[in-house]
PDB file of N, CA and C in Angstrom:
ATOM      1  N   MET A   1     -13.995 -21.458  35.175  1.00  0.00           N
ATOM      2  CA  MET A   1     -14.039 -20.418  34.680  1.00  0.00           C
ATOM      3  C   MET A   1     -13.321 -20.344  33.234  1.00  0.00           C
ATOM      4  N   THR A   2     -13.913 -20.145  32.252  1.00  0.00           N
ATOM      5  CA  THR A   2     -13.420 -20.179  30.573  1.00  0.00           C
ATOM      6  C   THR A   2     -12.803 -18.843  30.232  1.00  0.00           C
ATOM      7  N   HIS A   3     -11.961 -18.837  29.401  1.00  0.00           N
ATOM      8  CA  HIS A   3     -11.444 -17.731  28.682  1.00  0.00           C
ATOM      9  C   HIS A   3     -12.187 -17.231  27.853  1.00  0.00           C
ATOM     10  N   TYR A   4     -13.215 -17.927  27.389  1.00  0.00           N
ATOM     11  CA  TYR A   4     -14.321 -17.720  25.887  1.00  0.00           C
ATOM     12  C   TYR A   4     -14.609 -16.304  25.738  1.00  0.00           C
ATOM     13  N   ALA A   5     -15.194 -15.995  26.583  1.00  0.00           N
ATOM     14  CA  ALA A   5     -15.503 -14.208  26.525  1.00  0.00           C
ATOM     15  C   ALA A   5     -14.568 -13.700  26.329  1.00  0.00           C
ATOM     16  N   LEU A   6     -13.223 -13.683  26.745  1.00  0.00           N
ATOM     17  CA  LEU A   6     -11.914 -12.337  26.749  1.00  0.00           C
ATOM     18  C   LEU A   6     -11.545 -12.780  25.254  1.00  0.00           C
ATOM     19  N   ASN A   7     -11.491 -13.821  24.977  1.00  0.00           N
ATOM     20  CA  ASN A   7     -11.163 -14.508  23.472  1.00  0.00           C
ATOM     21  C   ASN A   7     -12.224 -13.619  22.444  1.00  0.00           C
ATOM     22  N   LYS A   8     -13.172 -14.133  22.612  1.00  0.00           N
ATOM     23  CA  LYS A   8     -14.341 -13.542  21.717  1.00  0.00           C
ATOM     24  C   LYS A   8     -14.648 -12.233  21.694  1.00  0.00           C
ATOM     25  N   CYS A   9     -14.282 -11.290  22.903  1.00  0.00           N
ATOM     26  CA  CYS A   9     -14.575  -9.975  22.843  1.00  0.00           C
ATOM     27  C   CYS A   9     -13.514  -9.256  22.155  1.00  0.00           C
ATOM     28  N   ILE A  10     -12.409  -9.827  22.182  1.00  0.00           N
ATOM     29  CA  ILE A  10     -11.124  -9.288  21.348  1.00  0.00           C
ATOM     30  C   ILE A  10     -11.035  -9.676  19.945  1.00  0.00           C
ATOM     31  N   PHE A  11     -11.677 -10.775  19.758  1.00  0.00           N
ATOM     32  CA  PHE A  11     -12.036 -11.332  18.430  1.00  0.00           C
ATOM     33  C   PHE A  11     -12.964 -10.511  17.714  1.00  0.00           C
ATOM     34  N   ASP A  12     -13.989 -10.070  18.339  1.00  0.00           N
ATOM     35  CA  ASP A  12     -15.153  -9.037  17.944  1.00  0.00           C
ATOM     36  C   ASP A  12     -14.454  -7.817  17.893  1.00  0.00           C
ATOM     37  N   HIS A  13     -13.751  -7.105  18.433  1.00  0.00           N
ATOM     38  CA  HIS A  13     -13.085  -5.984  18.284  1.00  0.00           C
ATOM     39  C   HIS A  13     -12.404  -5.801  17.497  1.00  0.00           C
ATOM     40  N   LEU A  14     -11.379  -6.538  16.822  1.00  0.00           N
ATOM     41  CA  LEU A  14     -10.610  -7.024  15.764  1.00  0.00           C
ATOM     42  C   LEU A  14     -11.755  -6.875  14.307  1.00  0.00           C
ATOM     43  N   ARG A  15     -12.384  -7.721  14.199  1.00  0.00           N
ATOM     44  CA  ARG A  15     -13.637  -7.717  13.427  1.00  0.00           C
ATOM     45  C   ARG A  15     -14.220  -6.190  13.039  1.00  0.00           C
ATOM     46  N   ARG A  16     -14.757  -5.699  14.450  1.00  0.00           N
ATOM     47  CA  ARG A  16     -15.250  -4.451  14.247  1.00  0.00           C
ATOM     48  C   ARG A  16     -14.194  -3.396  13.699  1.00  0.00           C
ATOM     49  N   LEU A  17     -12.720  -3.432  14.111  1.00  0.00           N
ATOM     50  CA  LEU A  17     -11.949  -2.424  13.623  1.00  0.00           C
ATOM     51  C   LEU A  17     -11.816  -2.484  12.123  1.00  0.00           C
ATOM     52  N   GLU A  18     -12.281  -3.814  11.385  1.00  0.00           N
ATOM     53  CA  GLU A  18     -12.074  -4.336   9.679  1.00  0.00           C
ATOM     54  C   GLU A  18     -13.137  -3.609   9.058  1.00  0.00           C
ATOM     55  N   ASP A  19     -14.122  -3.262   9.951  1.00  0.00           N
ATOM     56  CA  ASP A  19     -15.378  -2.641   9.126  1.00  0.00           C
ATOM     57  C   ASP A  19     -15.600  -1.114   8.921  1.00  0.00           C
ATOM     58  N   PRO A  20     -15.628  -1.022   7.475  1.00  0.00           N
ATOM     59  CA  PRO A  20     -15.847   0.348   7.470  1.00  0.00           C
ATOM     60  C   PRO A  20     -16.639   1.309   7.804  1.00  0.00           C
ATOM     61  N   ASP A  21     -17.859   0.490   8.221  1.00  0.00           N
ATOM     62  CA  ASP A  21     -19.245   1.503   8.875  1.00  0.00           C
ATOM     63  C   ASP A  21     -19.073   1.491  10.253  1.00  0.00           C
ATOM     64  N   GLN A  22     -18.381   0.856  10.894  1.00  0.00           N
ATOM     65  CA  GLN A  22     -17.717   1.223  12.286  1.00  0.00           C
ATOM     66  C   GLN A  22     -16.754   2.143  12.566  1.00  0.00           C
ATOM     67  N   ASN A  23     -17.196   2.838  13.152  1.00  0.00           N
ATOM     68  CA  ASN A  23     -16.027   4.219  13.260  1.00  0.00           C
ATOM     69  C   ASN A  23     -15.275   4.082  14.702  1.00  0.00           C
ATOM     70  N   ARG A  24     -14.415   2.940  14.711  1.00  0.00           N
ATOM     71  CA  ARG A  24     -13.875   2.648  15.958  1.00  0.00           C
ATOM     72  C   ARG A  24     -12.290   3.010  16.133  1.00  0.00           C
ATOM     73  N   ALA A  25     -11.753   3.618  17.574  1.00  0.00           N
ATOM     74  CA  ALA A  25     -10.316   3.428  17.282  1.00  0.00           C
ATOM     75  C   ALA A  25     -10.136   2.011  17.988  1.00  0.00           C
ATOM     76  N   PRO A  26      -8.734   1.698  17.765  1.00  0.00           N
ATOM     77  CA  PRO A  26      -8.025   0.149  18.436  1.00  0.00           C
ATOM     78  C   PRO A  26      -8.118   0.195  20.295  1.00  0.00           C
ATOM     79  N   ASP A  27      -8.102   1.724  20.417  1.00  0.00           N
ATOM     80  CA  ASP A  27      -8.396   1.395  22.150  1.00  0.00           C
ATOM     81  C   ASP A  27      -9.906   1.266  22.432  1.00  0.00           C
ATOM     82  N   ASP A  28     -10.480   1.477  21.908  1.00  0.00           N
ATOM     83  CA  ASP A  28     -12.207   1.390  21.830  1.00  0.00           C
ATOM     84  C   ASP A  28     -12.917   0.407  21.608  1.00  0.00           C
ATOM     85  N   ILE A  29     -12.868  -0.611  22.748  1.00  0.00           N
ATOM     86  CA  ILE A  29     -12.963  -1.916  22.580  1.00  0.00           C
ATOM     87  C   ILE A  29     -14.471  -1.865  23.323  1.00  0.00           C
ATOM     88  N   VAL A  30     -15.496  -2.841  23.021  1.00  0.00           N
ATOM     89  CA  VAL A  30     -16.572  -3.025  23.555  1.00  0.00           C
ATOM     90  C   VAL A  30     -16.563  -4.113  24.577  1.00  0.00           C
ATOM     91  N   THR A  31     -17.018  -3.783  25.837  1.00  0.00           N
ATOM     92  CA  THR A  31     -17.076  -5.173  26.748  1.00  0.00           C
ATOM     93  C   THR A  31     -18.736  -5.478  27.498  1.00  0.00           C
ATOM     94  N   GLU A  32     -19.235  -4.320  26.828  1.00  0.00           N
ATOM     95  CA  GLU A  32     -20.815  -5.028  27.395  1.00  0.00           C
ATOM     96  C   GLU A  32     -21.364  -5.824  26.219  1.00  0.00           C
ATOM     97  N   GLY A  33     -22.153  -7.212  27.023  1.00  0.00           N
ATOM     98  CA  GLY A  33     -22.382  -8.072  26.455  1.00  0.00           C
ATOM     99  C   GLY A  33     -21.369  -9.167  26.598  1.00  0.00           C
ATOM    100  N   TYR A  34     -20.207  -9.249  27.180  1.00  0.00           N
ATOM    101  CA  TYR A  34     -19.471 -10.334  27.453  1.00  0.00           C
ATOM    102  C   TYR A  34     -18.973 -10.405  28.914  1.00  0.00           C
ATOM    103  N   ASP A  35     -19.208 -11.562  29.301  1.00  0.00           N
ATOM    104  CA  ASP A  35     -19.198 -11.868  30.617  1.00  0.00           C
ATOM    105  C   ASP A  35     -17.523 -12.329  31.322  1.00  0.00           C
ATOM    106  N   LEU A  36     -17.131 -10.842  31.438  1.00  0.00           N
ATOM    107  CA  LEU A  36     -16.018 -10.805  31.764  1.00  0.00           C
ATOM    108  C   LEU A  36     -15.549 -10.651  33.199  1.00  0.00           C
ATOM    109  N   ASP A  37     -14.920 -11.110  33.723  1.00  0.00           N
ATOM    110  CA  ASP A  37     -14.596 -11.009  35.381  1.00  0.00           C
ATOM    111  C   ASP A  37     -13.881  -9.486  35.565  1.00  0.00           C
ATOM    112  N   GLU A  38     -13.171  -9.382  36.861  1.00  0.00           N
ATOM    113  CA  GLU A  38     -12.633  -7.886  36.989  1.00  0.00           C
ATOM    114  C   GLU A  38     -11.256  -8.058  36.457  1.00  0.00           C
ATOM    115  N   ALA A  39     -10.428  -9.010  36.444  1.00  0.00           N
ATOM    116  CA  ALA A  39      -8.950  -8.842  36.153  1.00  0.00           C
ATOM    117  C   ALA A  39      -9.696  -8.909  34.432  1.00  0.00           C
ATOM    118  N   GLU A  40     -10.284  -9.537  33.846  1.00  0.00           N
ATOM    119  CA  GLU A  40     -10.339  -9.694  32.550  1.00  0.00           C
ATOM    120  C   GLU A  40     -10.634  -7.723  31.749  1.00  0.00           C
ATOM    121  N   LEU A  41     -11.612  -7.512  32.486  1.00  0.00           N
ATOM    122  CA  LEU A  41     -12.060  -6.021  32.399  1.00  0.00           C
ATOM    123  C   LEU A  41     -10.960  -4.880  32.937  1.00  0.00           C
ATOM    124  N   ALA A  42     -10.063  -5.371  33.671  1.00  0.00           N
ATOM    125  CA  ALA A  42      -8.966  -4.508  33.797  1.00  0.00           C
ATOM    126  C   ALA A  42      -7.851  -4.504  33.085  1.00  0.00           C
ATOM    127  N   ALA A  43      -7.741  -5.969  32.247  1.00  0.00           N
ATOM    128  CA  ALA A  43      -6.518  -6.116  31.208  1.00  0.00           C
ATOM    129  C   ALA A  43      -7.238  -5.065  29.942  1.00  0.00           C
ATOM    130  N   VAL A  44      -8.453  -5.429  29.668  1.00  0.00           N
ATOM    131  CA  VAL A  44      -8.867  -4.863  28.565  1.00  0.00           C
ATOM    132  C   VAL A  44      -8.891  -3.050  28.692  1.00  0.00           C
ATOM    133  N   LYS A  45      -9.367  -2.602  29.764  1.00  0.00           N
ATOM    134  CA  LYS A  45      -9.118  -1.453  29.754  1.00  0.00           C
ATOM    135  C   LYS A  45      -7.813  -0.789  30.098  1.00  0.00           C
ATOM    136  N   ASN A  46      -6.828  -1.361  30.062  1.00  0.00           N
ATOM    137  CA  ASN A  46      -5.417  -0.891  30.745  1.00  0.00           C
ATOM    138  C   ASN A  46      -4.325  -1.386  29.584  1.00  0.00           C
ATOM    139  N   ASN A  47      -5.047  -2.107  28.512  1.00  0.00           N
ATOM    140  CA  ASN A  47      -4.082  -2.395  27.406  1.00  0.00           C
ATOM    141  C   ASN A  47      -2.991  -3.128  27.609  1.00  0.00           C
ATOM    142  N   ASP A  48      -3.459  -4.588  28.945  1.00  0.00           N
ATOM    143  CA  ASP A  48      -2.228  -4.884  29.253  1.00  0.00           C
ATOM    144  C   ASP A  48      -1.922  -6.424  28.571  1.00  0.00           C
ATOM    145  N   VAL A  49      -1.347  -6.640  27.515  1.00  0.00           N
ATOM    146  CA  VAL A  49      -1.081  -7.690  26.923  1.00  0.00           C
ATOM    147  C   VAL A  49      -0.092  -8.687  27.333  1.00  0.00           C
ATOM    148  N   ALA A  50       0.232  -8.416  28.570  1.00  0.00           N
ATOM    149  CA  ALA A  50       1.186  -9.053  29.429  1.00  0.00           C
ATOM    150  C   ALA A  50       0.011  -9.950  30.212  1.00  0.00           C
ATOM    151  N   ALA A  51      -1.060  -9.480  30.963  1.00  0.00           N
ATOM    152  CA  ALA A  51      -2.540  -9.868  31.795  1.00  0.00           C
ATOM    153  C   ALA A  51      -3.264 -10.696  30.296  1.00  0.00           C
ATOM    154  N   PHE A  52      -3.224 -10.808  29.190  1.00  0.00           N
ATOM    155  CA  PHE A  52      -3.771 -11.006  28.164  1.00  0.00           C
ATOM    156  C   PHE A  52      -3.279 -12.404  28.292  1.00  0.00           C
ATOM    157  N   HIS A  53      -1.902 -12.524  28.173  1.00  0.00           N
ATOM    158  CA  HIS A  53      -1.445 -13.732  27.705  1.00  0.00           C
ATOM    159  C   HIS A  53      -1.542 -14.540  29.219  1.00  0.00           C
ATOM    160  N   ASP A  54      -1.376 -14.425  30.494  1.00  0.00           N
ATOM    161  CA  ASP A  54      -1.895 -14.989  31.809  1.00  0.00           C
ATOM    162  C   ASP A  54      -3.472 -15.507  31.542  1.00  0.00           C
ATOM    163  N   LEU A  55      -4.404 -14.480  31.040  1.00  0.00           N
ATOM    164  CA  LEU A  55      -5.593 -14.488  30.972  1.00  0.00           C
ATOM    165  C   LEU A  55      -6.228 -15.794  29.869  1.00  0.00           C
ATOM    166  N   ALA A  56      -4.893 -16.521  29.019  1.00  0.00           N
ATOM    167  CA  ALA A  56      -5.123 -17.409  27.756  1.00  0.00           C
ATOM    168  C   ALA A  56      -5.894 -16.772  26.840  1.00  0.00           C
ATOM    169  N   VAL A  57      -5.556 -15.845  26.194  1.00  0.00           N
ATOM    170  CA  VAL A  57      -6.203 -15.201  25.163  1.00  0.00           C
ATOM    171  C   VAL A  57      -5.004 -15.698  24.275  1.00  0.00           C
ATOM    172  N   HIS A  58      -5.595 -16.042  22.998  1.00  0.00           N
ATOM    173  CA  HIS A  58      -4.886 -17.120  22.253  1.00  0.00           C
ATOM    174  C   HIS A  58      -3.631 -16.047  21.347  1.00  0.00           C
ATOM    175  N   PRO A  59      -2.747 -16.448  21.121  1.00  0.00           N
ATOM    176  CA  PRO A  59      -1.481 -15.397  20.821  1.00  0.00           C
ATOM    177  C   PRO A  59      -1.854 -15.180  19.693  1.00  0.00           C
ATOM    178  N   VAL A  60      -3.001 -15.669  18.594  1.00  0.00           N
ATOM    179  CA  VAL A  60      -2.994 -14.872  17.307  1.00  0.00           C
ATOM    180  C   VAL A  60      -4.000 -13.905  17.461  1.00  0.00           C
ATOM    181  N   LEU A  61      -4.750 -13.599  18.570  1.00  0.00           N
ATOM    182  CA  LEU A  61      -5.380 -12.474  19.028  1.00  0.00           C
ATOM    183  C   LEU A  61      -4.463 -11.712  19.720  1.00  0.00           C
ATOM    184  N   ILE A  62      -3.731 -11.334  20.419  1.00  0.00           N
ATOM    185  CA  ILE A  62      -2.852 -10.787  20.888  1.00  0.00           C
ATOM    186  C   ILE A  62      -2.293 -10.187  20.150  1.00  0.00           C
ATOM    187  N   ASN A  63      -1.696 -10.788  18.774  1.00  0.00           N
ATOM    188  CA  ASN A  63      -0.852 -10.388  17.819  1.00  0.00           C
ATOM    189  C   ASN A  63      -1.616  -9.806  17.043  1.00  0.00           C
ATOM    190  N   GLY A  64      -2.843  -9.637  16.756  1.00  0.00           N
ATOM    191  CA  GLY A  64      -3.552  -8.915  16.062  1.00  0.00           C
ATOM    192  C   GLY A  64      -3.967  -7.663  16.701  1.00  0.00           C
ATOM    193  N   TYR A  65      -4.529  -7.619  17.726  1.00  0.00           N
ATOM    194  CA  TYR A  65      -4.775  -6.745  18.856  1.00  0.00           C
ATOM    195  C   TYR A  65      -3.032  -5.448  18.817  1.00  0.00           C
ATOM    196  N   ASN A  66      -2.253  -6.513  19.269  1.00  0.00           N
ATOM    197  CA  ASN A  66      -1.426  -5.191  18.916  1.00  0.00           C
ATOM    198  C   ASN A  66      -1.224  -4.514  17.644  1.00  0.00           C
ATOM    199  N   ARG A  67      -1.286  -5.131  17.037  1.00  0.00           N
ATOM    200  CA  ARG A  67      -1.069  -4.445  15.576  1.00  0.00           C
ATOM    201  C   ARG A  67      -2.066  -3.613  15.481  1.00  0.00           C
ATOM    202  N   ALA A  68      -3.271  -3.804  15.553  1.00  0.00           N
ATOM    203  CA  ALA A  68      -4.487  -2.925  15.516  1.00  0.00           C
ATOM    204  C   ALA A  68      -3.760  -1.897  16.137  1.00  0.00           C
ATOM    205  N   ASN A  69      -3.521  -1.734  17.295  1.00  0.00           N
ATOM    206  CA  ASN A  69      -2.676  -0.646  17.883  1.00  0.00           C
ATOM    207  C   ASN A  69      -1.466   0.245  17.330  1.00  0.00           C
ATOM    208  N   GLY A  70      -1.076  -0.477  16.161  1.00  0.00           N
ATOM    209  CA  GLY A  70      -0.457   0.107  15.569  1.00  0.00           C
ATOM    210  C   GLY A  70       1.749  -0.108  15.967  1.00  0.00           C
ATOM    211  N   TRP A  71       1.527  -1.221  17.057  1.00  0.00           N
ATOM    212  CA  TRP A  71       2.520  -1.979  17.828  1.00  0.00           C
ATOM    213  C   TRP A  71       3.337  -3.111  17.097  1.00  0.00           C
ATOM    214  N   LYS A  72       4.979  -2.773  16.668  1.00  0.00           N
ATOM    215  CA  LYS A  72       5.145  -3.798  15.934  1.00  0.00           C
ATOM    216  C   LYS A  72       5.486  -4.822  17.074  1.00  0.00           C
ATOM    217  N   ARG A  73       6.188  -5.886  16.231  1.00  0.00           N
ATOM    218  CA  ARG A  73       6.290  -6.935  17.544  1.00  0.00           C
ATOM    219  C   ARG A  73       7.560  -6.430  17.932  1.00  0.00           C
ATOM    220  N   ALA A  74       8.360  -5.957  17.910  1.00  0.00           N
ATOM    221  CA  ALA A  74       9.788  -5.295  18.959  1.00  0.00           C
ATOM    222  C   ALA A  74       9.230  -4.229  19.894  1.00  0.00           C
ATOM    223  N   ASP A  75       7.833  -3.622  19.329  1.00  0.00           N
ATOM    224  CA  ASP A  75       7.348  -2.791  20.346  1.00  0.00           C
ATOM    225  C   ASP A  75       6.606  -3.324  21.382  1.00  0.00           C
ATOM    226  N   TYR A  76       5.595  -4.231  21.209  1.00  0.00           N
ATOM    227  CA  TYR A  76       5.006  -4.911  22.007  1.00  0.00           C
ATOM    228  C   TYR A  76       5.674  -6.100  22.998  1.00  0.00           C
ATOM    229  N   LYS A  77       6.814  -6.314  22.126  1.00  0.00           N
ATOM    230  CA  LYS A  77       7.594  -7.323  23.118  1.00  0.00           C
ATOM    231  C   LYS A  77       7.677  -7.008  24.287  1.00  0.00           C
ATOM    232  N   LYS A  78       8.096  -5.701  24.482  1.00  0.00           N
ATOM    233  CA  LYS A  78       8.581  -5.265  25.695  1.00  0.00           C
ATOM    234  C   LYS A  78       7.267  -5.028  27.029  1.00  0.00           C
ATOM    235  N   LEU A  79       6.290  -5.646  26.347  1.00  0.00           N
ATOM    236  CA  LEU A  79       5.030  -5.101  27.247  1.00  0.00           C
ATOM    237  C   LEU A  79       4.736  -6.431  27.961  1.00  0.00           C
ATOM    238  N   PHE A  80       5.416  -7.541  27.488  1.00  0.00           N
ATOM    239  CA  PHE A  80       5.388  -8.956  28.250  1.00  0.00           C
ATOM    240  C   PHE A  80       6.366  -9.159  29.453  1.00  0.00           C
ATOM    241  N   ARG A  81       6.247  -9.997  30.055  1.00  0.00           N
ATOM    242  CA  ARG A  81       7.121 -10.240  31.375  1.00  0.00           C
ATOM    243  C   ARG A  81       8.053 -11.156  31.003  1.00  0.00           C
ATOM    244  N   ALA A  82       9.460 -11.371  31.354  1.00  0.00           N
ATOM    245  CA  ALA A  82      10.452 -12.231  31.155  1.00  0.00           C
ATOM    246  C   ALA A  82      10.175 -13.503  30.912  1.00  0.00           C
ATOM    247  N   ASP A  83       9.581 -14.450  31.722  1.00  0.00           N
ATOM    248  CA  ASP A  83       9.060 -15.540  31.443  1.00  0.00           C
ATOM    249  C   ASP A  83       7.941 -15.744  30.267  1.00  0.00           C
ATOM    250  N   GLN A  84       7.511 -14.564  29.998  1.00  0.00           N
ATOM    251  CA  GLN A  84       6.435 -14.990  28.765  1.00  0.00           C
ATOM    252  C   GLN A  84       7.357 -14.772  27.612  1.00  0.00           C
ATOM    253  N   ILE A  85       8.220 -13.889  27.718  1.00  0.00           N
ATOM    254  CA  ILE A  85       9.013 -13.999  26.377  1.00  0.00           C
ATOM    255  C   ILE A  85      10.108 -14.916  26.085  1.00  0.00           C
ATOM    256  N   ALA A  86      10.450 -15.636  27.390  1.00  0.00           N
ATOM    257  CA  ALA A  86      10.968 -16.817  27.160  1.00  0.00           C
ATOM    258  C   ALA A  86      10.220 -17.803  26.465  1.00  0.00           C
ATOM    259  N   ALA A  87       9.268 -17.768  27.037  1.00  0.00           N
ATOM    260  CA  ALA A  87       8.180 -18.990  26.172  1.00  0.00           C
ATOM    261  C   ALA A  87       8.078 -18.631  24.670  1.00  0.00           C
ATOM    262  N   ALA A  88       7.812 -17.775  24.481  1.00  0.00           N
ATOM    263  CA  ALA A  88       7.677 -17.133  22.914  1.00  0.00           C
ATOM    264  C   ALA A  88       8.835 -17.120  22.038  1.00  0.00           C
ATOM    265  N   GLU A  89      10.160 -17.113  22.706  1.00  0.00           N
ATOM    266  CA  GLU A  89      10.938 -17.140  21.843  1.00  0.00           C
ATOM    267  C   GLU A  89      11.342 -18.651  21.548  1.00  0.00           C
ATOM    268  N   ALA A  90      10.979 -19.501  22.783  1.00  0.00           N
ATOM    269  CA  ALA A  90      10.892 -21.135  22.500  1.00  0.00           C
ATOM    270  C   ALA A  90      10.538 -21.350  21.254  1.00  0.00           C
ATOM    271  N   THR A  91       9.459 -20.614  20.929  1.00  0.00           N
ATOM    272  CA  THR A  91       8.242 -21.056  19.805  1.00  0.00           C
ATOM    273  C   THR A  91       8.914 -20.489  18.523  1.00  0.00           C
ATOM    274  N   GLU A  92       9.863 -19.641  18.578  1.00  0.00           N
ATOM    275  CA  GLU A  92      10.510 -18.689  17.194  1.00  0.00           C
ATOM    276  C   GLU A  92      10.679 -20.028  16.257  1.00  0.00           C
ATOM    277  N   GLY A  93      10.284 -19.013  14.830  1.00  0.00           N
ATOM    278  CA  GLY A  93      10.561 -20.351  13.635  1.00  0.00           C
ATOM    279  C   GLY A  93       9.094 -21.069  13.618  1.00  0.00           C
ATOM    280  N   VAL A  94       8.324 -20.999  13.826  1.00  0.00           N
ATOM    281  CA  VAL A  94       6.872 -21.508  13.349  1.00  0.00           C
ATOM    282  C   VAL A  94       6.398 -20.749  12.687  1.00  0.00           C
ATOM    283  N   ARG A  95       5.898 -21.537  11.513  1.00  0.00           N
ATOM    284  CA  ARG A  95       5.339 -20.753  10.506  1.00  0.00           C
ATOM    285  C   ARG A  95       4.384 -19.693  10.408  1.00  0.00           C
ATOM    286  N   TRP A  96       3.647 -19.609  11.530  1.00  0.00           N
ATOM    287  CA  TRP A  96       2.607 -18.450  11.590  1.00  0.00           C
ATOM    288  C   TRP A  96       3.788 -16.991  11.823  1.00  0.00           C
ATOM    289  N   GLN A  97       4.702 -17.403  12.582  1.00  0.00           N
ATOM    290  CA  GLN A  97       5.602 -16.490  12.720  1.00  0.00           C
ATOM    291  C   GLN A  97       6.466 -15.690  11.780  1.00  0.00           C
ATOM    292  N   LYS A  98       6.678 -16.250  10.606  1.00  0.00           N
ATOM    293  CA  LYS A  98       7.181 -16.154   9.676  1.00  0.00           C
ATOM    294  C   LYS A  98       6.556 -15.006   8.694  1.00  0.00           C
ATOM    295  N   SER A  99       5.753 -14.972   8.678  1.00  0.00           N
ATOM    296  CA  SER A  99       4.727 -14.239   7.510  1.00  0.00           C
ATOM    297  C   SER A  99       4.620 -12.782   8.116  1.00  0.00           C
TER     298      SER A  99
END
C-alpha cells in the first residue's frame, strides 16, 4: 500500500482552498476519486492529524492542513500523541520550521 493517495488528497484540498472560485470550508475535503482505505477515510473525516502522521502524510501537508483549519502550531500540537511530539521536537530548529 502506498500513501500517495492520501497525500494527494490533502494537497489537492489545500489547493482548492486557495482557489477563489471554489467555495470550500477547511473541513470540506473531497475524498471521491482517491483510492483511500478505511483508516485514511476515517482520518480525513475526523480531522485526525495524529492519524495523518501515522499514515505517512508529509509534515508540510499536515502543517498546511492545520493552518487552513485556523489552528496555530500550539493549538494542533496537542492533537498529536506524546511519541509524535517527541519526534517533532527532535527536529526543532530546521530551516522550514523557523519561517
